[in-house]
Amino acid sequence: MNGPADSLSIDIVARIAERAPELRGAERKVAALVLDDIVGASRASIGALADKADVSIATVTRFAKAVGCEDVRELKLRLAQAAGVGQRFLKRRPDDGEAVPHSLAARIFDEVQATLAQNQGALAAAPIAAAADALAAASMIYVFGMGGGSTALADEMRFRLVRLGRPVASYQDGLLQRMVAATLSREHVVVALSVTGQTPEMVESCLLAKQYGARVIALTAPASPLGALADWLVPIIAIETDFIYKPSSSRYAMMMALDLLVTELAVRQADHSRELLRRMKLALDAHRGGGERQPLGD
């Protein structure tokens, strides 16, 4: 059997689907059975698989070898790993294709609203004021984000902090984050954005930054490695639904946390913030035109 590192490099579900047309008729029956119920196939004995597919035990063994496994034991292990992603990614749900534009809009809106409601209470108890004080006192702020939503929102936080006159840079590349972390000291603050708080590069970069004295504000899952190392934890609660086709609504939870943190900072330095925002509005209106209530930005 292959080693642990190799086991991570094979998507057994995709391999079975790819090779199924080339298999013998009896082996294709096993393939169909497995693809129809990944979880059940990972737990069934070789005899049970053979009975359900109406083939011989030898056919199940040949099938395992045909899809690149040494034996049925390895096949079942790989199927168990594949099943770990969850059933919502393995089987089509009856209502997946039923959404029409108005009901789809309602479904997305409802999920966003539910996500914001789930996070409101947790944010009320978060150390927002202390984290804002840290941002106000820092000689430089570094925002780290990786992946989809966190990458975009790292830049969003940079844009927001620049408007308040804070020195800030954002980094989304793991290696650059690590390099930057090695240059930090006690007067610096890292703002780490991660819905799961599990990304190894992010956790390692923040640990390195703390080793050199920098403090960390983490917008992340409370029970996570990143949350555990943070000096100030701003909790993000992400509960994913079975509707996998839309982007994660956790982005809205992180945006709300980000808005709360930056607004707290703006209010704490109200006079300074108002003057900077006035200058920015004047510069924008002189360039593009516009009325009093146009947004500060575009």
C-alpha atoms as a PDB file:
ATOM      1  CA  MET A   1       0.000   0.000   0.000  1.00  0.00           C
ATOM      2  CA  ASN A   2       1.168   3.525  -0.718  1.00  0.00           C
ATOM      3  CA  GLY A   3       2.318   5.867   2.053  1.00  0.00           C
ATOM      4  CA  PRO A   4       0.276   8.647   3.710  1.00  0.00           C
ATOM      5  CA  ALA A   5       1.635  11.414   1.475  1.00  0.00           C
ATOM      6  CA  ASP A   6       0.715   9.485  -1.647  1.00  0.00           C
ATOM      7  CA  SER A   7      -2.781   8.774  -0.312  1.00  0.00           C
ATOM      8  CA  LEU A   8      -3.496  12.479  -0.315  1.00  0.00           C
ATOM      9  CA  SER A   9      -2.552  12.832  -3.976  1.00  0.00           C
ATOM     10  CA  ILE A  10      -5.218  10.496  -5.384  1.00  0.00           C
ATOM     11  CA  ASP A  11      -8.863  11.473  -5.794  1.00  0.00           C
ATOM     12  CA  ILE A  12     -10.337   7.978  -5.906  1.00  0.00           C
ATOM     13  CA  VAL A  13     -13.829   9.196  -6.855  1.00  0.00           C
ATOM     14  CA  ALA A  14     -12.527  11.017  -9.916  1.00  0.00           C
ATOM     15  CA  ARG A  15     -10.322   8.051 -10.825  1.00  0.00           C
ATOM     16  CA  ILE A  16     -13.203   5.571 -10.700  1.00  0.00           C
ATOM     17  CA  ALA A  17     -15.410   7.844 -12.801  1.00  0.00           C
ATOM     18  CA  GLU A  18     -12.604   8.316 -15.327  1.00  0.00           C
ATOM     19  CA  ARG A  19     -11.749   4.620 -15.668  1.00  0.00           C
ATOM     20  CA  ALA A  20     -15.271   3.178 -15.464  1.00  0.00           C
ATOM     21  CA  PRO A  21     -15.912   3.225 -19.251  1.00  0.00           C
ATOM     22  CA  GLU A  22     -12.774   1.138 -19.834  1.00  0.00           C
ATOM     23  CA  LEU A  23     -13.609  -1.562 -17.278  1.00  0.00           C
ATOM     24  CA  ARG A  24     -15.108  -4.969 -17.976  1.00  0.00           C
ATOM     25  CA  GLY A  25     -18.867  -5.244 -17.625  1.00  0.00           C
ATOM     26  CA  ALA A  26     -18.806  -6.851 -14.182  1.00  0.00           C
ATOM     27  CA  GLU A  27     -16.251  -4.343 -12.905  1.00  0.00           C
ATOM     28  CA  ARG A  28     -18.401  -1.476 -14.189  1.00  0.00           C
ATOM     29  CA  LYS A  29     -21.188  -2.776 -11.961  1.00  0.00           C
ATOM     30  CA  VAL A  30     -18.874  -2.414  -8.971  1.00  0.00           C
ATOM     31  CA  ALA A  31     -17.912   1.081 -10.107  1.00  0.00           C
ATOM     32  CA  ALA A  32     -21.576   2.105 -10.354  1.00  0.00           C
ATOM     33  CA  LEU A  33     -22.279   0.711  -6.891  1.00  0.00           C
ATOM     34  CA  VAL A  34     -19.334   2.541  -5.361  1.00  0.00           C
ATOM     35  CA  LEU A  35     -20.086   5.890  -7.017  1.00  0.00           C
ATOM     36  CA  ASP A  36     -23.715   5.673  -5.950  1.00  0.00           C
ATOM     37  CA  ASP A  37     -22.800   5.310  -2.261  1.00  0.00           C
ATOM     38  CA  ILE A  38     -19.217   6.215  -1.391  1.00  0.00           C
ATOM     39  CA  VAL A  39     -19.810   6.056   2.360  1.00  0.00           C
ATOM     40  CA  GLY A  40     -21.570   2.691   2.220  1.00  0.00           C
ATOM     41  CA  ALA A  41     -18.908   1.193  -0.037  1.00  0.00           C
ATOM     42  CA  SER A  42     -16.138   2.356   2.306  1.00  0.00           C
ATOM     43  CA  ARG A  43     -17.780   0.491   5.189  1.00  0.00           C
ATOM     44  CA  ALA A  44     -18.948  -2.680   3.421  1.00  0.00           C
ATOM     45  CA  SER A  45     -17.011  -5.948   3.461  1.00  0.00           C
ATOM     46  CA  ILE A  46     -15.704  -7.352   0.206  1.00  0.00           C
ATOM     47  CA  GLY A  47     -18.419  -9.989   0.333  1.00  0.00           C
ATOM     48  CA  ALA A  48     -21.138  -7.366   0.826  1.00  0.00           C
ATOM     49  CA  LEU A  49     -19.820  -5.338  -2.106  1.00  0.00           C
ATOM     50  CA  ALA A  50     -19.838  -8.417  -4.297  1.00  0.00           C
ATOM     51  CA  ASP A  51     -23.395  -9.352  -3.273  1.00  0.00           C
ATOM     52  CA  LYS A  52     -24.771  -5.829  -3.823  1.00  0.00           C
ATOM     53  CA  ALA A  53     -23.134  -5.541  -7.242  1.00  0.00           C
ATOM     54  CA  ASP A  54     -24.120  -9.118  -8.114  1.00  0.00           C
ATOM     55  CA  VAL A  55     -20.544 -10.047  -8.996  1.00  0.00           C
ATOM     56  CA  SER A  56     -17.899 -12.352  -7.575  1.00  0.00           C
ATOM     57  CA  ILE A  57     -15.442 -11.446  -4.842  1.00  0.00           C
ATOM     58  CA  ALA A  58     -12.664 -11.869  -7.412  1.00  0.00           C
ATOM     59  CA  THR A  59     -14.327  -9.166  -9.546  1.00  0.00           C
ATOM     60  CA  VAL A  60     -14.262  -6.713  -6.636  1.00  0.00           C
ATOM     61  CA  THR A  61     -10.557  -7.451  -6.175  1.00  0.00           C
ATOM     62  CA  ARG A  62      -9.893  -6.908  -9.891  1.00  0.00           C
ATOM     63  CA  PHE A  63     -11.844  -3.660  -9.745  1.00  0.00           C
ATOM     64  CA  ALA A  64      -9.688  -2.395  -6.882  1.00  0.00           C
ATOM     65  CA  LYS A  65      -6.536  -3.090  -8.865  1.00  0.00           C
ATOM     66  CA  ALA A  66      -8.044  -1.570 -12.026  1.00  0.00           C
ATOM     67  CA  VAL A  67      -8.483   1.771 -10.286  1.00  0.00           C
ATOM     68  CA  GLY A  68      -4.925   1.813  -8.951  1.00  0.00           C
ATOM     69  CA  CYS A  69      -5.265   0.204  -5.524  1.00  0.00           C
ATOM     70  CA  GLU A  70      -3.158  -2.710  -4.344  1.00  0.00           C
ATOM     71  CA  ASP A  71      -6.152  -4.479  -2.824  1.00  0.00           C
ATOM     72  CA  VAL A  72      -9.702  -3.956  -1.561  1.00  0.00           C
ATOM     73  CA  ARG A  73      -8.400  -2.769   1.801  1.00  0.00           C
ATOM     74  CA  GLU A  74      -6.633   0.156   0.145  1.00  0.00           C
ATOM     75  CA  LEU A  75      -9.705   0.868  -1.977  1.00  0.00           C
ATOM     76  CA  LYS A  76     -11.882   1.102   1.133  1.00  0.00           C
ATOM     77  CA  LEU A  77      -9.350   3.371   2.843  1.00  0.00           C
ATOM     78  CA  ARG A  78      -9.318   5.748  -0.112  1.00  0.00           C
ATOM     79  CA  LEU A  79     -13.114   5.699  -0.275  1.00  0.00           C
ATOM     80  CA  ALA A  80     -13.259   6.571   3.434  1.00  0.00           C
ATOM     81  CA  GLN A  81     -10.920   9.501   2.809  1.00  0.00           C
ATOM     82  CA  ALA A  82     -13.104  10.658  -0.075  1.00  0.00           C
ATOM     83  CA  ALA A  83     -16.219  10.349   2.084  1.00  0.00           C
ATOM     84  CA  GLY A  84     -14.607  12.660   4.619  1.00  0.00           C
ATOM     85  CA  VAL A  85     -15.533  15.706   2.518  1.00  0.00           C
ATOM     86  CA  GLY A  86     -19.173  15.062   3.359  1.00  0.00           C
ATOM     87  CA  GLN A  87     -22.198  13.724   1.544  1.00  0.00           C
ATOM     88  CA  ARG A  88     -23.235  17.176   0.343  1.00  0.00           C
ATOM     89  CA  PHE A  89     -20.289  17.126  -2.086  1.00  0.00           C
ATOM     90  CA  LEU A  90     -20.804  13.528  -3.207  1.00  0.00           C
ATOM     91  CA  LYS A  91     -24.483  13.195  -4.087  1.00  0.00           C
ATOM     92  CA  ARG A  92     -26.909  15.444  -5.889  1.00  0.00           C
ATOM     93  CA  ARG A  93     -29.797  16.635  -3.708  1.00  0.00           C
ATOM     94  CA  PRO A  94     -33.361  16.550  -5.047  1.00  0.00           C
ATOM     95  CA  ASP A  95     -33.727  20.334  -4.909  1.00  0.00           C
ATOM     96  CA  ASP A  96     -30.340  21.225  -6.433  1.00  0.00           C
ATOM     97  CA  GLY A  97     -31.744  22.119  -9.838  1.00  0.00           C
ATOM     98  CA  GLU A  98     -35.082  23.554  -8.761  1.00  0.00           C
ATOM     99  CA  ALA A  99     -34.050  27.086  -7.851  1.00  0.00           C
ATOM    100  CA  VAL A 100     -35.448  29.837 -10.072  1.00  0.00           C
ATOM    101  CA  PRO A 101     -34.026  33.377  -9.982  1.00  0.00           C
ATOM    102  CA  HIS A 102     -36.420  34.792  -7.366  1.00  0.00           C
ATOM    103  CA  SER A 103     -36.223  31.749  -5.066  1.00  0.00           C
ATOM    104  CA  LEU A 104     -32.445  31.591  -5.487  1.00  0.00           C
ATOM    105  CA  ALA A 105     -32.169  35.232  -4.443  1.00  0.00           C
ATOM    106  CA  ALA A 106     -34.355  34.532  -1.414  1.00  0.00           C
ATOM    107  CA  ARG A 107     -32.296  31.471  -0.483  1.00  0.00           C
ATOM    108  CA  ILE A 108     -29.011  33.396  -0.627  1.00  0.00           C
ATOM    109  CA  PHE A 109     -30.493  36.312   1.297  1.00  0.00           C
ATOM    110  CA  ASP A 110     -31.833  33.999   3.997  1.00  0.00           C
ATOM    111  CA  GLU A 111     -28.454  32.304   4.437  1.00  0.00           C
ATOM    112  CA  VAL A 112     -26.623  35.627   4.648  1.00  0.00           C
ATOM    113  CA  GLN A 113     -29.134  36.900   7.188  1.00  0.00           C
ATOM    114  CA  ALA A 114     -28.845  33.713   9.254  1.00  0.00           C
ATOM    115  CA  THR A 115     -25.051  33.931   9.211  1.00  0.00           C
ATOM    116  CA  LEU A 116     -25.082  37.539  10.422  1.00  0.00           C
ATOM    117  CA  ALA A 117     -27.542  36.659  13.185  1.00  0.00           C
ATOM    118  CA  GLN A 118     -25.384  33.718  14.315  1.00  0.00           C
ATOM    119  CA  ASN A 119     -22.360  35.989  14.611  1.00  0.00           C
ATOM    120  CA  GLN A 120     -23.969  39.032  16.192  1.00  0.00           C
ATOM    121  CA  GLY A 121     -23.969  37.669  19.722  1.00  0.00           C
ATOM    122  CA  ALA A 122     -20.406  36.364  19.533  1.00  0.00           C
ATOM    123  CA  LEU A 123     -19.135  39.702  18.251  1.00  0.00           C
ATOM    124  CA  ALA A 124     -20.909  41.562  21.043  1.00  0.00           C
ATOM    125  CA  ALA A 125     -18.664  39.791  23.547  1.00  0.00           C
ATOM    126  CA  ALA A 126     -15.450  40.090  21.489  1.00  0.00           C
ATOM    127  CA  PRO A 127     -12.541  42.325  22.610  1.00  0.00           C
ATOM    128  CA  ILE A 128     -13.213  44.859  19.839  1.00  0.00           C
ATOM    129  CA  ALA A 129     -12.227  47.921  21.877  1.00  0.00           C
ATOM    130  CA  ALA A 130      -8.888  46.449  22.938  1.00  0.00           C
ATOM    131  CA  ALA A 131      -8.117  45.314  19.398  1.00  0.00           C
ATOM    132  CA  ALA A 132      -8.951  48.774  18.058  1.00  0.00           C
ATOM    133  CA  ASP A 133      -6.602  50.299  20.622  1.00  0.00           C
ATOM    134  CA  ALA A 134      -3.853  48.007  19.376  1.00  0.00           C
ATOM    135  CA  LEU A 135      -4.476  49.149  15.783  1.00  0.00           C
ATOM    136  CA  ALA A 136      -4.353  52.777  16.885  1.00  0.00           C
ATOM    137  CA  ALA A 137      -1.036  52.303  18.700  1.00  0.00           C
ATOM    138  CA  ALA A 138       0.761  50.152  16.105  1.00  0.00           C
ATOM    139  CA  SER A 139       3.601  51.690  14.126  1.00  0.00           C
ATOM    140  CA  MET A 140       2.662  49.333  11.266  1.00  0.00           C
ATOM    141  CA  ILE A 141      -0.220  46.945  10.666  1.00  0.00           C
ATOM    142  CA  TYR A 142       0.114  43.829   8.516  1.00  0.00           C
ATOM    143  CA  VAL A 143      -3.031  42.086   7.295  1.00  0.00           C
ATOM    144  CA  PHE A 144      -2.711  38.409   6.365  1.00  0.00           C
ATOM    145  CA  GLY A 145      -5.356  36.556   4.351  1.00  0.00           C
ATOM    146  CA  MET A 146      -5.262  33.368   2.300  1.00  0.00           C
ATOM    147  CA  GLY A 147      -7.823  31.575   0.154  1.00  0.00           C
ATOM    148  CA  GLY A 148     -10.932  33.029  -1.455  1.00  0.00           C
ATOM    149  CA  GLY A 149     -12.825  35.303   0.927  1.00  0.00           C
ATOM    150  CA  SER A 150      -9.894  36.034   3.251  1.00  0.00           C
ATOM    151  CA  THR A 151      -7.681  37.078   0.341  1.00  0.00           C
ATOM    152  CA  ALA A 152     -10.201  39.673  -0.838  1.00  0.00           C
ATOM    153  CA  LEU A 153     -11.023  40.885   2.657  1.00  0.00           C
ATOM    154  CA  ALA A 154      -7.350  41.362   3.552  1.00  0.00           C
ATOM    155  CA  ASP A 155      -7.244  44.046   0.884  1.00  0.00           C
ATOM    156  CA  GLU A 156     -10.611  45.374   2.078  1.00  0.00           C
ATOM    157  CA  MET A 157      -9.183  45.850   5.573  1.00  0.00           C
ATOM    158  CA  ARG A 158      -6.146  47.597   4.110  1.00  0.00           C
ATOM    159  CA  PHE A 159      -8.402  49.985   2.180  1.00  0.00           C
ATOM    160  CA  ARG A 160     -10.437  50.721   5.303  1.00  0.00           C
ATOM    161  CA  LEU A 161      -7.428  51.331   7.543  1.00  0.00           C
ATOM    162  CA  VAL A 162      -5.764  53.609   4.983  1.00  0.00           C
ATOM    163  CA  ARG A 163      -8.860  55.845   5.104  1.00  0.00           C
ATOM    164  CA  LEU A 164      -8.268  56.249   8.832  1.00  0.00           C
ATOM    165  CA  GLY A 165      -4.631  57.231   8.386  1.00  0.00           C
ATOM    166  CA  ARG A 166      -3.138  53.988   9.661  1.00  0.00           C
ATOM    167  CA  PRO A 167       0.060  52.573   8.150  1.00  0.00           C
ATOM    168  CA  VAL A 168      -0.928  49.193   6.733  1.00  0.00           C
ATOM    169  CA  ALA A 169       0.046  46.533   4.195  1.00  0.00           C
ATOM    170  CA  SER A 170      -1.732  43.328   3.184  1.00  0.00           C
ATOM    171  CA  TYR A 171      -0.167  40.017   2.160  1.00  0.00           C
ATOM    172  CA  GLN A 172      -1.904  36.969   0.721  1.00  0.00           C
ATOM    173  CA  ASP A 173       1.060  34.786  -0.264  1.00  0.00           C
ATOM    174  CA  GLY A 174       2.107  32.325   2.427  1.00  0.00           C
ATOM    175  CA  LEU A 175       5.828  32.664   1.797  1.00  0.00           C
ATOM    176  CA  LEU A 176       5.670  36.467   1.832  1.00  0.00           C
ATOM    177  CA  GLN A 177       3.702  36.344   5.074  1.00  0.00           C
ATOM    178  CA  ARG A 178       6.429  34.222   6.596  1.00  0.00           C
ATOM    179  CA  MET A 179       9.141  36.602   5.399  1.00  0.00           C
ATOM    180  CA  VAL A 180       7.285  39.644   6.723  1.00  0.00           C
ATOM    181  CA  ALA A 181       6.632  37.931  10.065  1.00  0.00           C
ATOM    182  CA  ALA A 182      10.363  37.437  10.536  1.00  0.00           C
ATOM    183  CA  THR A 183      10.918  41.215  10.336  1.00  0.00           C
ATOM    184  CA  LEU A 184       8.369  42.254  12.954  1.00  0.00           C
ATOM    185  CA  SER A 185       8.768  43.519  16.502  1.00  0.00           C
ATOM    186  CA  ARG A 186       6.726  44.722  19.500  1.00  0.00           C
ATOM    187  CA  GLU A 187       5.357  47.863  17.871  1.00  0.00           C
ATOM    188  CA  HIS A 188       3.737  45.892  15.039  1.00  0.00           C
ATOM    189  CA  VAL A 189       0.309  44.268  14.831  1.00  0.00           C
ATOM    190  CA  VAL A 190      -0.757  41.423  12.543  1.00  0.00           C
ATOM    191  CA  VAL A 191      -4.434  41.127  11.603  1.00  0.00           C
ATOM    192  CA  ALA A 192      -5.003  37.507  10.517  1.00  0.00           C
ATOM    193  CA  LEU A 193      -8.143  36.637   8.571  1.00  0.00           C
ATOM    194  CA  SER A 194      -9.153  32.985   8.331  1.00  0.00           C
ATOM    195  CA  VAL A 195     -12.640  31.508   8.542  1.00  0.00           C
ATOM    196  CA  THR A 196     -11.359  28.112   9.703  1.00  0.00           C
ATOM    197  CA  GLY A 197      -8.171  29.147  11.511  1.00  0.00           C
ATOM    198  CA  GLN A 198      -6.622  25.899  10.295  1.00  0.00           C
ATOM    199  CA  THR A 199      -4.424  26.998   7.375  1.00  0.00           C
ATOM    200  CA  PRO A 200      -0.884  25.877   8.322  1.00  0.00           C
ATOM    201  CA  GLU A 201       0.943  28.729   6.579  1.00  0.00           C
ATOM    202  CA  MET A 202      -1.178  31.344   8.340  1.00  0.00           C
ATOM    203  CA  VAL A 203      -0.778  29.761  11.759  1.00  0.00           C
ATOM    204  CA  GLU A 204       2.983  29.373  11.324  1.00  0.00           C
ATOM    205  CA  SER A 205       3.431  32.974  10.130  1.00  0.00           C
ATOM    206  CA  CYS A 206       1.488  34.327  13.103  1.00  0.00           C
ATOM    207  CA  LEU A 207       3.479  32.172  15.520  1.00  0.00           C
ATOM    208  CA  LEU A 208       6.673  33.506  13.971  1.00  0.00           C
ATOM    209  CA  ALA A 209       5.441  37.099  14.279  1.00  0.00           C
ATOM    210  CA  LYS A 210       4.642  36.543  17.964  1.00  0.00           C
ATOM    211  CA  GLN A 211       8.079  35.039  18.493  1.00  0.00           C
ATOM    212  CA  TYR A 212       9.543  38.429  17.578  1.00  0.00           C
ATOM    213  CA  GLY A 213       7.112  40.348  19.788  1.00  0.00           C
ATOM    214  CA  ALA A 214       4.347  41.335  17.373  1.00  0.00           C
ATOM    215  CA  ARG A 215       0.750  41.029  18.555  1.00  0.00           C
ATOM    216  CA  VAL A 216      -1.975  39.249  16.624  1.00  0.00           C
ATOM    217  CA  ILE A 217      -5.618  40.149  16.101  1.00  0.00           C
ATOM    218  CA  ALA A 218      -7.338  37.104  14.593  1.00  0.00           C
ATOM    219  CA  LEU A 219     -10.713  37.165  12.852  1.00  0.00           C
ATOM    220  CA  THR A 220     -11.272  33.422  12.873  1.00  0.00           C
ATOM    221  CA  ALA A 221     -13.028  30.391  14.329  1.00  0.00           C
ATOM    222  CA  PRO A 222     -12.854  30.427  18.150  1.00  0.00           C
ATOM    223  CA  ALA A 223     -11.836  26.757  18.561  1.00  0.00           C
ATOM    224  CA  SER A 224      -8.954  26.842  16.095  1.00  0.00           C
ATOM    225  CA  PRO A 225      -5.146  26.911  16.194  1.00  0.00           C
ATOM    226  CA  LEU A 226      -5.140  30.513  14.950  1.00  0.00           C
ATOM    227  CA  GLY A 227      -7.721  31.548  17.525  1.00  0.00           C
ATOM    228  CA  ALA A 228      -5.702  29.920  20.295  1.00  0.00           C
ATOM    229  CA  LEU A 229      -2.571  31.944  19.568  1.00  0.00           C
ATOM    230  CA  ALA A 230      -4.293  35.322  19.062  1.00  0.00           C
ATOM    231  CA  ASP A 231      -3.787  38.169  21.518  1.00  0.00           C
ATOM    232  CA  TRP A 232      -7.268  39.364  20.565  1.00  0.00           C
ATOM    233  CA  LEU A 233      -9.764  36.917  19.083  1.00  0.00           C
ATOM    234  CA  VAL A 234     -12.646  38.284  17.018  1.00  0.00           C
ATOM    235  CA  PRO A 235     -14.774  35.151  16.505  1.00  0.00           C
ATOM    236  CA  ILE A 236     -16.142  34.066  13.134  1.00  0.00           C
ATOM    237  CA  ILE A 237     -18.845  31.396  13.251  1.00  0.00           C
ATOM    238  CA  ALA A 238     -19.284  29.636   9.909  1.00  0.00           C
ATOM    239  CA  ILE A 239     -22.037  27.056   9.488  1.00  0.00           C
ATOM    240  CA  GLU A 240     -22.178  25.730   5.938  1.00  0.00           C
ATOM    241  CA  THR A 241     -25.433  24.453   4.463  1.00  0.00           C
ATOM    242  CA  ASP A 242     -26.016  21.626   1.998  1.00  0.00           C
ATOM    243  CA  PHE A 243     -26.420  24.067  -0.902  1.00  0.00           C
ATOM    244  CA  ILE A 244     -22.832  23.911  -2.152  1.00  0.00           C
ATOM    245  CA  TYR A 245     -23.154  25.898  -5.386  1.00  0.00           C
ATOM    246  CA  LYS A 246     -22.994  29.413  -3.988  1.00  0.00           C
ATOM    247  CA  PRO A 247     -19.979  31.076  -2.310  1.00  0.00           C
ATOM    248  CA  SER A 248     -19.722  30.623   1.431  1.00  0.00           C
ATOM    249  CA  SER A 249     -21.812  33.055   3.474  1.00  0.00           C
ATOM    250  CA  SER A 250     -18.969  33.117   6.023  1.00  0.00           C
ATOM    251  CA  ARG A 251     -17.598  36.027   3.967  1.00  0.00           C
ATOM    252  CA  TYR A 252     -20.404  38.170   5.329  1.00  0.00           C
ATOM    253  CA  ALA A 253     -19.611  37.188   8.901  1.00  0.00           C
ATOM    254  CA  MET A 254     -15.993  38.200   8.413  1.00  0.00           C
ATOM    255  CA  MET A 255     -17.050  41.439   6.706  1.00  0.00           C
ATOM    256  CA  MET A 256     -19.278  42.277   9.684  1.00  0.00           C
ATOM    257  CA  ALA A 257     -16.410  41.601  12.103  1.00  0.00           C
ATOM    258  CA  LEU A 258     -14.070  43.677   9.974  1.00  0.00           C
ATOM    259  CA  ASP A 259     -16.570  46.551   9.796  1.00  0.00           C
ATOM    260  CA  LEU A 260     -17.086  46.451  13.550  1.00  0.00           C
ATOM    261  CA  LEU A 261     -13.357  46.533  14.286  1.00  0.00           C
ATOM    262  CA  VAL A 262     -12.554  49.343  11.866  1.00  0.00           C
ATOM    263  CA  THR A 263     -15.591  51.413  12.881  1.00  0.00           C
ATOM    264  CA  GLU A 264     -14.555  51.098  16.529  1.00  0.00           C
ATOM    265  CA  LEU A 265     -11.151  52.468  15.577  1.00  0.00           C
ATOM    266  CA  ALA A 266     -12.718  55.325  13.584  1.00  0.00           C
ATOM    267  CA  VAL A 267     -14.941  56.347  16.514  1.00  0.00           C
ATOM    268  CA  ARG A 268     -12.096  56.179  19.016  1.00  0.00           C
ATOM    269  CA  GLN A 269     -10.173  58.730  16.951  1.00  0.00           C
ATOM    270  CA  ALA A 270     -13.307  60.571  15.837  1.00  0.00           C
ATOM    271  CA  ASP A 271     -11.875  64.032  15.151  1.00  0.00           C
ATOM    272  CA  HIS A 272      -8.916  62.676  13.204  1.00  0.00           C
ATOM    273  CA  SER A 273     -11.105  60.237  11.286  1.00  0.00           C
ATOM    274  CA  ARG A 274     -13.624  62.936  10.351  1.00  0.00           C
ATOM    275  CA  GLU A 275     -10.933  65.211   8.953  1.00  0.00           C
ATOM    276  CA  LEU A 276      -9.336  62.431   6.891  1.00  0.00           C
ATOM    277  CA  LEU A 277     -12.709  61.329   5.526  1.00  0.00           C
ATOM    278  CA  ARG A 278     -13.601  64.942   4.687  1.00  0.00           C
ATOM    279  CA  ARG A 279     -10.400  65.324   2.683  1.00  0.00           C
ATOM    280  CA  MET A 280     -11.053  62.069   0.869  1.00  0.00           C
ATOM    281  CA  LYS A 281     -14.632  63.036  -0.028  1.00  0.00           C
ATOM    282  CA  LEU A 282     -13.438  66.416  -1.292  1.00  0.00           C
ATOM    283  CA  ALA A 283     -10.770  64.771  -3.469  1.00  0.00           C
ATOM    284  CA  LEU A 284     -13.265  62.289  -4.911  1.00  0.00           C
ATOM    285  CA  ASP A 285     -15.982  64.842  -5.618  1.00  0.00           C
ATOM    286  CA  ALA A 286     -13.505  67.129  -7.340  1.00  0.00           C
ATOM    287  CA  HIS A 287     -12.541  64.253  -9.608  1.00  0.00           C
ATOM    288  CA  ARG A 288     -15.861  62.531 -10.363  1.00  0.00           C
ATOM    289  CA  GLY A 289     -18.533  64.940  -9.247  1.00  0.00           C
ATOM    290  CA  GLY A 290     -21.357  63.764  -7.064  1.00  0.00           C
ATOM    291  CA  GLY A 291     -23.664  64.608  -4.223  1.00  0.00           C
ATOM    292  CA  GLU A 292     -23.352  64.685  -0.473  1.00  0.00           C
ATOM    293  CA  ARG A 293     -24.684  61.164   0.060  1.00  0.00           C
ATOM    294  CA  GLN A 294     -22.594  59.342  -2.481  1.00  0.00           C
ATOM    295  CA  PRO A 295     -20.457  56.614  -0.898  1.00  0.00           C
ATOM    296  CA  LEU A 296     -16.899  57.361   0.087  1.00  0.00           C
ATOM    297  CA  GLY A 297     -15.354  55.170  -2.606  1.00  0.00           C
ATOM    298  CA  ASP A 298     -16.981  53.624  -5.661  1.00  0.00           C
END
